[in-house]
């Protein structure tokens, strides 16, 4: 496992992960394009297939 993977592993440090997400999204501007997210659609498809 690379050092960056170990550094940002959610299982190893959930507080660090939460802090990084907080810093990245603080004062962020959300842009709505009017289309569905490819990643969201893929995740929904995968989760429906697992049931």
PDB file of N, CA and C in Angstrom:
ATOM      1  N   UNK A   1       0.853  -1.184   0.000  1.00  0.00           N
ATOM      2  CA  UNK A   1       0.000   0.000   0.000  1.00  0.00           C
ATOM      3  C   UNK A   1       0.893   1.240   0.000  1.00  0.00           C
ATOM      4  N   UNK A   2       0.554   2.198  -0.834  1.00  0.00           N
ATOM      5  CA  UNK A   2       1.370   3.409  -0.908  1.00  0.00           C
ATOM      6  C   UNK A   2       1.172   4.263   0.341  1.00  0.00           C
ATOM      7  N   UNK A   3       2.109   5.163   0.579  1.00  0.00           N
ATOM      8  CA  UNK A   3       2.015   6.013   1.770  1.00  0.00           C
ATOM      9  C   UNK A   3       0.808   6.941   1.714  1.00  0.00           C
ATOM     10  N   UNK A   4       0.441   7.408   0.514  1.00  0.00           N
ATOM     11  CA  UNK A   4      -0.735   8.287   0.412  1.00  0.00           C
ATOM     12  C   UNK A   4      -2.013   7.511   0.703  1.00  0.00           C
ATOM     13  N   UNK A   5      -2.077   6.254   0.293  1.00  0.00           N
ATOM     14  CA  UNK A   5      -3.256   5.440   0.594  1.00  0.00           C
ATOM     15  C   UNK A   5      -3.369   5.211   2.098  1.00  0.00           C
ATOM     16  N   UNK A   6      -2.252   4.994   2.761  1.00  0.00           N
ATOM     17  CA  UNK A   6      -2.270   4.817   4.213  1.00  0.00           C
ATOM     18  C   UNK A   6      -2.646   6.115   4.913  1.00  0.00           C
ATOM     19  N   UNK A   7      -2.194   7.245   4.392  1.00  0.00           N
ATOM     20  CA  UNK A   7      -2.458   8.535   5.018  1.00  0.00           C
ATOM     21  C   UNK A   7      -3.940   8.884   4.987  1.00  0.00           C
ATOM     22  N   UNK A   8      -4.611   8.613   3.873  1.00  0.00           N
ATOM     23  CA  UNK A   8      -5.992   9.042   3.707  1.00  0.00           C
ATOM     24  C   UNK A   8      -7.003   7.906   3.851  1.00  0.00           C
ATOM     25  N   UNK A   9      -6.602   6.815   4.435  1.00  0.00           N
ATOM     26  CA  UNK A   9      -7.509   5.697   4.638  1.00  0.00           C
ATOM     27  C   UNK A   9      -8.573   6.071   5.673  1.00  0.00           C
ATOM     28  N   UNK A  10      -9.841   5.917   5.312  1.00  0.00           N
ATOM     29  CA  UNK A  10     -10.939   6.256   6.216  1.00  0.00           C
ATOM     30  C   UNK A  10     -10.922   5.341   7.427  1.00  0.00           C
ATOM     31  N   UNK A  11     -10.578   4.085   7.221  1.00  0.00           N
ATOM     32  CA  UNK A  11     -10.568   3.141   8.338  1.00  0.00           C
ATOM     33  C   UNK A  11      -9.503   3.492   9.358  1.00  0.00           C
ATOM     34  N   UNK A  12      -8.399   4.042   8.919  1.00  0.00           N
ATOM     35  CA  UNK A  12      -7.323   4.366   9.847  1.00  0.00           C
ATOM     36  C   UNK A  12      -7.579   5.673  10.588  1.00  0.00           C
ATOM     37  N   UNK A  13      -8.181   6.646   9.924  1.00  0.00           N
ATOM     38  CA  UNK A  13      -8.380   7.937  10.569  1.00  0.00           C
ATOM     39  C   UNK A  13      -9.638   8.633  10.038  1.00  0.00           C
ATOM     40  N   UNK A  14     -10.795   8.268  10.568  1.00  0.00           N
ATOM     41  CA  UNK A  14     -12.028   8.912  10.103  1.00  0.00           C
ATOM     42  C   UNK A  14     -12.057  10.408  10.393  1.00  0.00           C
ATOM     43  N   UNK A  15     -11.397  10.846  11.469  1.00  0.00           N
ATOM     44  CA  UNK A  15     -11.366  12.282  11.781  1.00  0.00           C
ATOM     45  C   UNK A  15     -10.569  13.044  10.742  1.00  0.00           C
ATOM     46  N   UNK A  16      -9.448  12.462  10.292  1.00  0.00           N
ATOM     47  CA  UNK A  16      -8.637  13.103   9.257  1.00  0.00           C
ATOM     48  C   UNK A  16      -9.423  13.193   7.953  1.00  0.00           C
ATOM     49  N   UNK A  17     -10.089  12.132   7.599  1.00  0.00           N
ATOM     50  CA  UNK A  17     -10.897  12.132   6.381  1.00  0.00           C
ATOM     51  C   UNK A  17     -11.990  13.204   6.455  1.00  0.00           C
ATOM     52  N   UNK A  18     -12.685  13.280   7.575  1.00  0.00           N
ATOM     53  CA  UNK A  18     -13.739  14.280   7.754  1.00  0.00           C
ATOM     54  C   UNK A  18     -13.167  15.693   7.677  1.00  0.00           C
ATOM     55  N   UNK A  19     -11.984  15.894   8.251  1.00  0.00           N
ATOM     56  CA  UNK A  19     -11.351  17.214   8.213  1.00  0.00           C
ATOM     57  C   UNK A  19     -10.975  17.607   6.790  1.00  0.00           C
ATOM     58  N   UNK A  20     -10.481  16.658   6.012  1.00  0.00           N
ATOM     59  CA  UNK A  20     -10.112  16.944   4.616  1.00  0.00           C
ATOM     60  C   UNK A  20     -11.345  17.308   3.808  1.00  0.00           C
ATOM     61  N   UNK A  21     -12.408  16.530   3.956  1.00  0.00           N
ATOM     62  CA  UNK A  21     -13.652  16.826   3.231  1.00  0.00           C
ATOM     63  C   UNK A  21     -14.189  18.193   3.646  1.00  0.00           C
ATOM     64  N   UNK A  22     -14.126  18.502   4.932  1.00  0.00           N
ATOM     65  CA  UNK A  22     -14.584  19.797   5.430  1.00  0.00           C
ATOM     66  C   UNK A  22     -13.805  20.940   4.785  1.00  0.00           C
ATOM     67  N   UNK A  23     -12.478  20.787   4.706  1.00  0.00           N
ATOM     68  CA  UNK A  23     -11.645  21.839   4.111  1.00  0.00           C
ATOM     69  C   UNK A  23     -11.920  22.001   2.619  1.00  0.00           C
ATOM     70  N   UNK A  24     -12.160  20.891   1.942  1.00  0.00           N
ATOM     71  CA  UNK A  24     -12.410  20.956   0.501  1.00  0.00           C
ATOM     72  C   UNK A  24     -13.765  21.577   0.166  1.00  0.00           C
ATOM     73  N   UNK A  25     -14.748  21.381   1.042  1.00  0.00           N
ATOM     74  CA  UNK A  25     -16.101  21.851   0.738  1.00  0.00           C
ATOM     75  C   UNK A  25     -16.453  23.176   1.397  1.00  0.00           C
ATOM     76  N   UNK A  26     -15.630  23.682   2.302  1.00  0.00           N
ATOM     77  CA  UNK A  26     -15.911  24.945   2.977  1.00  0.00           C
ATOM     78  C   UNK A  26     -15.939  26.074   1.941  1.00  0.00           C
ATOM     79  N   UNK A  27     -16.987  26.848   1.937  1.00  0.00           N
ATOM     80  CA  UNK A  27     -17.195  27.957   0.996  1.00  0.00           C
ATOM     81  C   UNK A  27     -17.203  27.507  -0.462  1.00  0.00           C
ATOM     82  N   UNK A  28     -17.547  26.255  -0.701  1.00  0.00           N
ATOM     83  CA  UNK A  28     -17.609  25.748  -2.075  1.00  0.00           C
ATOM     84  C   UNK A  28     -18.894  26.234  -2.754  1.00  0.00           C
ATOM     85  N   UNK A  29     -18.838  26.347  -4.047  1.00  0.00           N
ATOM     86  CA  UNK A  29     -20.005  26.708  -4.830  1.00  0.00           C
ATOM     87  C   UNK A  29     -20.492  25.464  -5.554  1.00  0.00           C
ATOM     88  N   UNK A  30     -21.750  25.110  -5.330  1.00  0.00           N
ATOM     89  CA  UNK A  30     -22.320  23.962  -6.010  1.00  0.00           C
ATOM     90  C   UNK A  30     -22.883  24.411  -7.350  1.00  0.00           C
ATOM     91  N   UNK A  31     -22.537  23.688  -8.378  1.00  0.00           N
ATOM     92  CA  UNK A  31     -23.017  23.994  -9.723  1.00  0.00           C
ATOM     93  C   UNK A  31     -23.960  22.882 -10.154  1.00  0.00           C
ATOM     94  N   UNK A  32     -25.219  23.220 -10.381  1.00  0.00           N
ATOM     95  CA  UNK A  32     -26.186  22.228 -10.825  1.00  0.00           C
ATOM     96  C   UNK A  32     -26.270  22.284 -12.337  1.00  0.00           C
ATOM     97  N   UNK A  33     -26.023  21.152 -12.955  1.00  0.00           N
ATOM     98  CA  UNK A  33     -26.017  21.094 -14.421  1.00  0.00           C
ATOM     99  C   UNK A  33     -27.340  20.619 -14.998  1.00  0.00           C
ATOM    100  N   UNK A  34     -28.227  20.124 -14.129  1.00  0.00           N
ATOM    101  CA  UNK A  34     -29.508  19.633 -14.611  1.00  0.00           C
ATOM    102  C   UNK A  34     -29.455  18.196 -15.103  1.00  0.00           C
ATOM    103  N   UNK A  35     -28.313  17.559 -14.928  1.00  0.00           N
ATOM    104  CA  UNK A  35     -28.176  16.159 -15.324  1.00  0.00           C
ATOM    105  C   UNK A  35     -27.877  15.319 -14.099  1.00  0.00           C
ATOM    106  N   UNK A  36     -28.163  14.015 -14.212  1.00  0.00           N
ATOM    107  CA  UNK A  36     -27.878  13.122 -13.095  1.00  0.00           C
ATOM    108  C   UNK A  36     -26.406  12.745 -13.102  1.00  0.00           C
ATOM    109  N   UNK A  37     -25.854  12.639 -11.940  1.00  0.00           N
ATOM    110  CA  UNK A  37     -24.457  12.269 -11.789  1.00  0.00           C
ATOM    111  C   UNK A  37     -24.223  10.849 -12.284  1.00  0.00           C
ATOM    112  N   UNK A  38     -23.195  10.668 -13.091  1.00  0.00           N
ATOM    113  CA  UNK A  38     -22.824   9.343 -13.575  1.00  0.00           C
ATOM    114  C   UNK A  38     -22.464   8.443 -12.403  1.00  0.00           C
ATOM    115  N   UNK A  39     -21.702   8.955 -11.459  1.00  0.00           N
ATOM    116  CA  UNK A  39     -21.286   8.151 -10.314  1.00  0.00           C
ATOM    117  C   UNK A  39     -22.479   7.759  -9.445  1.00  0.00           C
ATOM    118  N   UNK A  40     -23.415   8.682  -9.244  1.00  0.00           N
ATOM    119  CA  UNK A  40     -24.599   8.377  -8.449  1.00  0.00           C
ATOM    120  C   UNK A  40     -25.442   7.306  -9.139  1.00  0.00           C
ATOM    121  N   UNK A  41     -25.639   7.438 -10.437  1.00  0.00           N
ATOM    122  CA  UNK A  41     -26.418   6.445 -11.183  1.00  0.00           C
ATOM    123  C   UNK A  41     -25.751   5.074 -11.132  1.00  0.00           C
ATOM    124  N   UNK A  42     -24.447   5.037 -11.269  1.00  0.00           N
ATOM    125  CA  UNK A  42     -23.716   3.762 -11.233  1.00  0.00           C
ATOM    126  C   UNK A  42     -23.815   3.121  -9.847  1.00  0.00           C
ATOM    127  N   UNK A  43     -23.691   3.932  -8.795  1.00  0.00           N
ATOM    128  CA  UNK A  43     -23.802   3.422  -7.435  1.00  0.00           C
ATOM    129  C   UNK A  43     -25.186   2.863  -7.181  1.00  0.00           C
ATOM    130  N   UNK A  44     -26.219   3.564  -7.640  1.00  0.00           N
ATOM    131  CA  UNK A  44     -27.591   3.082  -7.462  1.00  0.00           C
ATOM    132  C   UNK A  44     -27.789   1.763  -8.188  1.00  0.00           C
ATOM    133  N   UNK A  45     -27.267   1.655  -9.395  1.00  0.00           N
ATOM    134  CA  UNK A  45     -27.392   0.431 -10.183  1.00  0.00           C
ATOM    135  C   UNK A  45     -26.695  -0.729  -9.473  1.00  0.00           C
ATOM    136  N   UNK A  46     -25.494  -0.473  -8.968  1.00  0.00           N
ATOM    137  CA  UNK A  46     -24.742  -1.523  -8.284  1.00  0.00           C
ATOM    138  C   UNK A  46     -25.459  -1.963  -7.003  1.00  0.00           C
ATOM    139  N   UNK A  47     -26.005  -1.022  -6.243  1.00  0.00           N
ATOM    140  CA  UNK A  47     -26.655  -1.374  -4.989  1.00  0.00           C
ATOM    141  C   UNK A  47     -27.973  -2.105  -5.240  1.00  0.00           C
ATOM    142  N   UNK A  48     -28.677  -1.772  -6.314  1.00  0.00           N
ATOM    143  CA  UNK A  48     -29.922  -2.483  -6.651  1.00  0.00           C
ATOM    144  C   UNK A  48     -29.631  -3.896  -7.112  1.00  0.00           C
ATOM    145  N   UNK A  49     -28.500  -4.097  -7.769  1.00  0.00           N
ATOM    146  CA  UNK A  49     -28.117  -5.421  -8.237  1.00  0.00           C
ATOM    147  C   UNK A  49     -27.689  -6.336  -7.111  1.00  0.00           C
ATOM    148  N   UNK A  50     -27.289  -5.781  -5.984  1.00  0.00           N
ATOM    149  CA  UNK A  50     -26.799  -6.583  -4.861  1.00  0.00           C
ATOM    150  C   UNK A  50     -27.934  -7.094  -3.986  1.00  0.00           C
ATOM    151  N   UNK A  51     -29.126  -6.579  -4.150  1.00  0.00           N
ATOM    152  CA  UNK A  51     -30.264  -6.971  -3.295  1.00  0.00           C
ATOM    153  C   UNK A  51     -30.809  -8.317  -3.678  1.00  0.00           C
TER     154      UNK A  51
END
